[in-house]
Amino acid sequence: MKDLEDWAAVQKVYKQTKSKRATAQLLGISRNTVKRLLAMDKPPS
């Protein structure tokens, strides 16, 4: 399960890159994980 730090990192990098693929590559995670974390309205608790 991804935690708050992962969620925050994805949000920050995606704002800069505007690309799910680039975000995934920079963070070393899958595009599906990026997609799932971006779909969350609130940070995971």
PDB file of N, CA and C in Angstrom:
ATOM      1  N   MET A   1       0.843  -1.194   0.000  1.00  0.00           N
ATOM      2  CA  MET A   1       0.000   0.000   0.000  1.00  0.00           C
ATOM      3  C   MET A   1       0.878   1.244   0.000  1.00  0.00           C
ATOM      4  N   LYS A   2       0.518   2.177  -0.808  1.00  0.00           N
ATOM      5  CA  LYS A   2       1.272   3.424  -0.882  1.00  0.00           C
ATOM      6  C   LYS A   2       0.881   4.325   0.285  1.00  0.00           C
ATOM      7  N   ASP A   3       1.845   5.084   0.752  1.00  0.00           N
ATOM      8  CA  ASP A   3       1.573   5.927   1.909  1.00  0.00           C
ATOM      9  C   ASP A   3       1.536   7.406   1.527  1.00  0.00           C
ATOM     10  N   LEU A   4       1.426   8.223   2.527  1.00  0.00           N
ATOM     11  CA  LEU A   4       1.294   9.668   2.343  1.00  0.00           C
ATOM     12  C   LEU A   4       2.480  10.256   1.573  1.00  0.00           C
ATOM     13  N   GLU A   5       3.684   9.778   1.847  1.00  0.00           N
ATOM     14  CA  GLU A   5       4.867  10.307   1.167  1.00  0.00           C
ATOM     15  C   GLU A   5       4.818  10.022  -0.334  1.00  0.00           C
ATOM     16  N   ASP A   6       4.388   8.818  -0.695  1.00  0.00           N
ATOM     17  CA  ASP A   6       4.260   8.474  -2.111  1.00  0.00           C
ATOM     18  C   ASP A   6       3.213   9.351  -2.780  1.00  0.00           C
ATOM     19  N   TRP A   7       2.085   9.529  -2.127  1.00  0.00           N
ATOM     20  CA  TRP A   7       1.000  10.348  -2.671  1.00  0.00           C
ATOM     21  C   TRP A   7       1.488  11.778  -2.902  1.00  0.00           C
ATOM     22  N   ALA A   8       2.179  12.338  -1.905  1.00  0.00           N
ATOM     23  CA  ALA A   8       2.666  13.714  -2.012  1.00  0.00           C
ATOM     24  C   ALA A   8       3.705  13.845  -3.129  1.00  0.00           C
ATOM     25  N   ALA A   9       4.589  12.861  -3.244  1.00  0.00           N
ATOM     26  CA  ALA A   9       5.617  12.904  -4.287  1.00  0.00           C
ATOM     27  C   ALA A   9       4.985  12.870  -5.672  1.00  0.00           C
ATOM     28  N   VAL A  10       3.992  12.009  -5.853  1.00  0.00           N
ATOM     29  CA  VAL A  10       3.315  11.918  -7.150  1.00  0.00           C
ATOM     30  C   VAL A  10       2.621  13.237  -7.470  1.00  0.00           C
ATOM     31  N   GLN A  11       1.934  13.816  -6.510  1.00  0.00           N
ATOM     32  CA  GLN A  11       1.243  15.087  -6.740  1.00  0.00           C
ATOM     33  C   GLN A  11       2.239  16.176  -7.160  1.00  0.00           C
ATOM     34  N   LYS A  12       3.363  16.254  -6.463  1.00  0.00           N
ATOM     35  CA  LYS A  12       4.361  17.291  -6.728  1.00  0.00           C
ATOM     36  C   LYS A  12       4.997  17.120  -8.111  1.00  0.00           C
ATOM     37  N   VAL A  13       5.440  15.905  -8.413  1.00  0.00           N
ATOM     38  CA  VAL A  13       6.114  15.663  -9.691  1.00  0.00           C
ATOM     39  C   VAL A  13       5.140  15.823 -10.853  1.00  0.00           C
ATOM     40  N   TYR A  14       3.911  15.355 -10.689  1.00  0.00           N
ATOM     41  CA  TYR A  14       2.930  15.461 -11.775  1.00  0.00           C
ATOM     42  C   TYR A  14       2.614  16.923 -12.089  1.00  0.00           C
ATOM     43  N   LYS A  15       2.582  17.777 -11.062  1.00  0.00           N
ATOM     44  CA  LYS A  15       2.348  19.212 -11.306  1.00  0.00           C
ATOM     45  C   LYS A  15       3.431  19.790 -12.210  1.00  0.00           C
ATOM     46  N   GLN A  16       4.651  19.306 -12.047  1.00  0.00           N
ATOM     47  CA  GLN A  16       5.768  19.822 -12.836  1.00  0.00           C
ATOM     48  C   GLN A  16       5.810  19.209 -14.231  1.00  0.00           C
ATOM     49  N   THR A  17       5.567  17.910 -14.330  1.00  0.00           N
ATOM     50  CA  THR A  17       5.739  17.230 -15.614  1.00  0.00           C
ATOM     51  C   THR A  17       4.473  17.200 -16.460  1.00  0.00           C
ATOM     52  N   LYS A  18       3.306  17.188 -15.824  1.00  0.00           N
ATOM     53  CA  LYS A  18       2.011  17.070 -16.515  1.00  0.00           C
ATOM     54  C   LYS A  18       1.909  15.769 -17.310  1.00  0.00           C
ATOM     55  N   SER A  19       2.716  14.786 -16.927  1.00  0.00           N
ATOM     56  CA  SER A  19       2.731  13.508 -17.637  1.00  0.00           C
ATOM     57  C   SER A  19       2.791  12.362 -16.636  1.00  0.00           C
ATOM     58  N   LYS A  20       1.843  11.445 -16.750  1.00  0.00           N
ATOM     59  CA  LYS A  20       1.843  10.284 -15.857  1.00  0.00           C
ATOM     60  C   LYS A  20       3.057   9.402 -16.133  1.00  0.00           C
ATOM     61  N   ARG A  21       3.401   9.255 -17.405  1.00  0.00           N
ATOM     62  CA  ARG A  21       4.546   8.419 -17.762  1.00  0.00           C
ATOM     63  C   ARG A  21       5.844   9.002 -17.203  1.00  0.00           C
ATOM     64  N   ALA A  22       6.061  10.300 -17.379  1.00  0.00           N
ATOM     65  CA  ALA A  22       7.279  10.930 -16.872  1.00  0.00           C
ATOM     66  C   ALA A  22       7.327  10.874 -15.349  1.00  0.00           C
ATOM     67  N   THR A  23       6.184  11.070 -14.715  1.00  0.00           N
ATOM     68  CA  THR A  23       6.116  10.993 -13.256  1.00  0.00           C
ATOM     69  C   THR A  23       6.518   9.601 -12.788  1.00  0.00           C
ATOM     70  N   ALA A  24       5.994   8.586 -13.435  1.00  0.00           N
ATOM     71  CA  ALA A  24       6.309   7.203 -13.066  1.00  0.00           C
ATOM     72  C   ALA A  24       7.797   6.914 -13.253  1.00  0.00           C
ATOM     73  N   GLN A  25       8.360   7.376 -14.346  1.00  0.00           N
ATOM     74  CA  GLN A  25       9.777   7.126 -14.607  1.00  0.00           C
ATOM     75  C   GLN A  25      10.659   7.831 -13.585  1.00  0.00           C
ATOM     76  N   LEU A  26      10.339   9.076 -13.261  1.00  0.00           N
ATOM     77  CA  LEU A  26      11.147   9.825 -12.298  1.00  0.00           C
ATOM     78  C   LEU A  26      11.100   9.211 -10.905  1.00  0.00           C
ATOM     79  N   LEU A  27       9.941   8.698 -10.523  1.00  0.00           N
ATOM     80  CA  LEU A  27       9.783   8.146  -9.179  1.00  0.00           C
ATOM     81  C   LEU A  27      10.071   6.649  -9.107  1.00  0.00           C
ATOM     82  N   GLY A  28      10.219   6.016 -10.252  1.00  0.00           N
ATOM     83  CA  GLY A  28      10.512   4.588 -10.273  1.00  0.00           C
ATOM     84  C   GLY A  28       9.340   3.716  -9.868  1.00  0.00           C
ATOM     85  N   ILE A  29       8.132   4.157 -10.222  1.00  0.00           N
ATOM     86  CA  ILE A  29       6.925   3.384  -9.927  1.00  0.00           C
ATOM     87  C   ILE A  29       6.142   3.192 -11.219  1.00  0.00           C
ATOM     88  N   SER A  30       5.143   2.341 -11.184  1.00  0.00           N
ATOM     89  CA  SER A  30       4.384   2.058 -12.406  1.00  0.00           C
ATOM     90  C   SER A  30       3.409   3.188 -12.737  1.00  0.00           C
ATOM     91  N   ARG A  31       3.056   3.252 -14.018  1.00  0.00           N
ATOM     92  CA  ARG A  31       2.079   4.258 -14.455  1.00  0.00           C
ATOM     93  C   ARG A  31       0.729   4.017 -13.809  1.00  0.00           C
ATOM     94  N   ASN A  32       0.382   2.754 -13.594  1.00  0.00           N
ATOM     95  CA  ASN A  32      -0.893   2.452 -12.947  1.00  0.00           C
ATOM     96  C   ASN A  32      -0.925   2.966 -11.512  1.00  0.00           C
ATOM     97  N   THR A  33       0.199   2.882 -10.824  1.00  0.00           N
ATOM     98  CA  THR A  33       0.276   3.407  -9.460  1.00  0.00           C
ATOM     99  C   THR A  33       0.115   4.920  -9.474  1.00  0.00           C
ATOM    100  N   VAL A  34       0.772   5.575 -10.420  1.00  0.00           N
ATOM    101  CA  VAL A  34       0.637   7.029 -10.552  1.00  0.00           C
ATOM    102  C   VAL A  34      -0.820   7.381 -10.817  1.00  0.00           C
ATOM    103  N   LYS A  35      -1.443   6.666 -11.729  1.00  0.00           N
ATOM    104  CA  LYS A  35      -2.850   6.918 -12.066  1.00  0.00           C
ATOM    105  C   LYS A  35      -3.740   6.761 -10.834  1.00  0.00           C
ATOM    106  N   ARG A  36      -3.519   5.697 -10.080  1.00  0.00           N
ATOM    107  CA  ARG A  36      -4.326   5.426  -8.891  1.00  0.00           C
ATOM    108  C   ARG A  36      -4.131   6.512  -7.820  1.00  0.00           C
ATOM    109  N   LEU A  37      -2.882   6.922  -7.604  1.00  0.00           N
ATOM    110  CA  LEU A  37      -2.612   7.942  -6.592  1.00  0.00           C
ATOM    111  C   LEU A  37      -3.156   9.307  -7.013  1.00  0.00           C
ATOM    112  N   LEU A  38      -3.123   9.618  -8.302  1.00  0.00           N
ATOM    113  CA  LEU A  38      -3.678  10.890  -8.770  1.00  0.00           C
ATOM    114  C   LEU A  38      -5.199  10.910  -8.668  1.00  0.00           C
ATOM    115  N   ALA A  39      -5.815   9.747  -8.736  1.00  0.00           N
ATOM    116  CA  ALA A  39      -7.275   9.671  -8.659  1.00  0.00           C
ATOM    117  C   ALA A  39      -7.793   9.911  -7.242  1.00  0.00           C
ATOM    118  N   MET A  40      -6.913   9.786  -6.258  1.00  0.00           N
ATOM    119  CA  MET A  40      -7.327  10.014  -4.867  1.00  0.00           C
ATOM    120  C   MET A  40      -7.540  11.504  -4.633  1.00  0.00           C
ATOM    121  N   ASP A  41      -8.703  11.863  -4.113  1.00  0.00           N
ATOM    122  CA  ASP A  41      -8.982  13.268  -3.817  1.00  0.00           C
ATOM    123  C   ASP A  41      -8.224  13.741  -2.583  1.00  0.00           C
ATOM    124  N   LYS A  42      -8.106  12.846  -1.623  1.00  0.00           N
ATOM    125  CA  LYS A  42      -7.442  13.177  -0.358  1.00  0.00           C
ATOM    126  C   LYS A  42      -6.237  12.271  -0.177  1.00  0.00           C
ATOM    127  N   PRO A  43      -5.276  12.708   0.622  1.00  0.00           N
ATOM    128  CA  PRO A  43      -4.136  11.840   0.912  1.00  0.00           C
ATOM    129  C   PRO A  43      -4.595  10.587   1.655  1.00  0.00           C
ATOM    130  N   PRO A  44      -3.893   9.479   1.457  1.00  0.00           N
ATOM    131  CA  PRO A  44      -4.255   8.264   2.193  1.00  0.00           C
ATOM    132  C   PRO A  44      -4.021   8.456   3.682  1.00  0.00           C
ATOM    133  N   SER A  45      -4.834   7.820   4.482  1.00  0.00           N
ATOM    134  CA  SER A  45      -4.669   7.992   5.936  1.00  0.00           C
ATOM    135  C   SER A  45      -3.986   6.810   6.563  1.00  0.00           C
TER     136      SER A  45
END
